[in-house]
Amino acid sequence: MLGLGAMGHAFASNLLKNGFTVAGWNRSLARGEDLQAHGLSLHATPQQAVADAEVIISMLADGEATLEVLAQIGARLSAAGDLLPDGHHWPAGDPAGHRYVAGTSASDDL
């Protein structure tokens, strides 16, 4: 779980309550400390949090934060079949963000 703000914290909490293994990261690690008692593996970097993940869920604050973190974990996402559910609402006027997340070039239609 990348991002443990209001939505990411609730999402991670529900996953843990339902028996899933969850690794998490947040810019402020304090946001995930309470979930450690419920099994959250809290990591200092996004790369560490996604290293062994089967599914990577992003619940970051905005497009800028999402693009910054995706740039950090890009090598991890290069394997065929990777899926990144992104909880951030991308504004319609941000096609560059959509293209980056979709893995398309700037010349491709969305």
Protein backbone atom coordinates (compact mmCIF):
# COMPACT_ATOMS: atom_id res chain seq x y z
CA MET A 1 0.00 0.00 0.00
CA LEU A 2 1.64 3.18 -1.19
CA GLY A 3 0.13 6.00 0.83
CA LEU A 4 -1.39 5.55 4.27
CA GLY A 5 -3.45 8.73 4.47
CA ALA A 6 -7.19 8.55 5.16
CA MET A 7 -8.05 6.26 2.22
CA GLY A 8 -4.86 4.20 2.19
CA HIS A 9 -4.98 3.65 5.94
CA ALA A 10 -8.61 2.47 5.80
CA PHE A 11 -7.89 0.24 2.78
CA ALA A 12 -4.85 -1.33 4.47
CA SER A 13 -6.79 -1.80 7.71
CA ASN A 14 -9.57 -3.66 5.89
CA LEU A 15 -7.10 -5.85 4.03
CA LEU A 16 -5.37 -6.76 7.30
CA LYS A 17 -8.72 -7.51 9.00
CA ASN A 18 -9.49 -9.91 6.16
CA GLY A 19 -6.26 -11.86 6.48
CA PHE A 20 -4.18 -10.30 3.71
CA THR A 21 -0.48 -9.64 4.07
CA VAL A 22 0.10 -5.91 3.64
CA ALA A 23 3.33 -3.98 3.23
CA GLY A 24 3.00 -0.23 3.38
CA TRP A 25 4.79 3.04 2.93
CA ASN A 26 3.90 6.65 3.64
CA ARG A 27 6.00 9.82 3.55
CA SER A 28 5.20 10.16 7.25
CA LEU A 29 5.80 6.71 8.71
CA ALA A 30 3.76 7.63 11.78
CA ARG A 31 0.60 7.19 9.66
CA GLY A 32 1.15 3.43 9.59
CA GLU A 33 2.55 2.74 13.04
CA ASP A 34 -0.83 1.81 14.55
CA LEU A 35 -1.40 -0.77 11.82
CA GLN A 36 1.85 -2.56 12.65
CA ALA A 37 0.11 -4.09 15.67
CA HIS A 38 -2.36 -5.63 13.20
CA GLY A 39 0.32 -7.04 10.91
CA LEU A 40 1.29 -4.19 8.59
CA SER A 41 4.91 -4.38 7.45
CA LEU A 42 5.86 -0.68 7.40
CA HIS A 43 8.74 0.35 5.13
CA ALA A 44 10.92 3.45 4.88
CA THR A 45 10.85 3.60 1.06
CA PRO A 46 8.31 2.81 -1.66
CA GLN A 47 10.83 0.42 -3.23
CA GLN A 48 11.02 -1.64 -0.04
CA ALA A 49 7.24 -1.70 0.32
CA VAL A 50 6.66 -3.12 -3.17
CA ALA A 51 9.68 -5.43 -3.40
CA ASP A 52 7.72 -8.66 -2.82
CA ALA A 53 4.23 -7.43 -3.70
CA GLU A 54 1.83 -9.38 -5.89
CA VAL A 55 -0.44 -6.33 -6.14
CA ILE A 56 0.61 -2.72 -5.61
CA ILE A 57 -2.10 -0.27 -4.55
CA SER A 58 -1.47 3.46 -4.74
CA MET A 59 -3.47 5.83 -2.52
CA LEU A 60 -1.40 8.98 -2.81
CA ALA A 61 -2.48 12.57 -2.31
CA ASP A 62 -2.27 13.92 -5.84
CA GLY A 63 -0.86 13.46 -9.31
CA GLU A 64 2.51 14.95 -8.45
CA ALA A 65 3.02 12.57 -5.52
CA THR A 66 1.84 9.63 -7.64
CA LEU A 67 4.23 10.40 -10.48
CA GLU A 68 7.11 10.89 -8.03
CA VAL A 69 6.53 7.50 -6.39
CA LEU A 70 5.93 5.73 -9.71
CA ALA A 71 9.29 7.03 -10.91
CA GLN A 72 10.90 5.48 -7.82
CA ILE A 73 9.28 2.06 -8.30
CA GLY A 74 9.33 2.04 -12.10
CA ALA A 75 11.81 -0.83 -12.36
CA ARG A 76 9.52 -2.98 -10.21
CA LEU A 77 6.58 -2.27 -12.52
CA SER A 78 8.39 -3.28 -15.68
CA ALA A 79 7.46 -6.97 -15.49
CA ALA A 80 4.70 -8.06 -17.83
CA GLY A 81 1.35 -8.41 -16.15
CA ASP A 82 1.93 -5.91 -13.36
CA LEU A 83 -1.20 -4.11 -12.21
CA LEU A 84 -1.27 -0.92 -10.17
CA PRO A 85 -4.71 0.06 -8.86
CA ASP A 86 -4.41 3.81 -8.29
CA GLY A 87 -6.74 5.45 -5.79
CA HIS A 88 -5.88 8.98 -6.91
CA HIS A 89 -8.49 10.80 -8.97
CA TRP A 90 -6.68 12.11 -12.04
CA PRO A 91 -8.22 15.30 -13.40
CA ALA A 92 -9.40 15.09 -17.01
CA GLY A 93 -6.97 17.87 -17.91
CA ASP A 94 -3.92 15.81 -16.91
CA PRO A 95 -3.30 13.50 -19.90
CA ALA A 96 0.43 13.33 -19.15
CA GLY A 97 -0.32 11.69 -15.81
CA HIS A 98 -2.74 9.26 -17.42
CA ARG A 99 -0.21 8.33 -20.09
CA TYR A 100 2.56 7.79 -17.56
CA VAL A 101 0.42 5.51 -15.44
CA ALA A 102 -0.89 3.68 -18.49
CA GLY A 103 2.63 3.26 -19.83
CA THR A 104 1.87 4.94 -23.14
CA SER A 105 3.94 7.50 -24.96
CA ALA A 106 2.98 11.15 -25.25
CA SER A 107 1.88 10.56 -28.85
CA ASP A 108 -0.62 7.79 -28.02
CA ASP A 109 -4.32 8.43 -27.61
CA LEU A 110 -5.82 7.52 -24.27
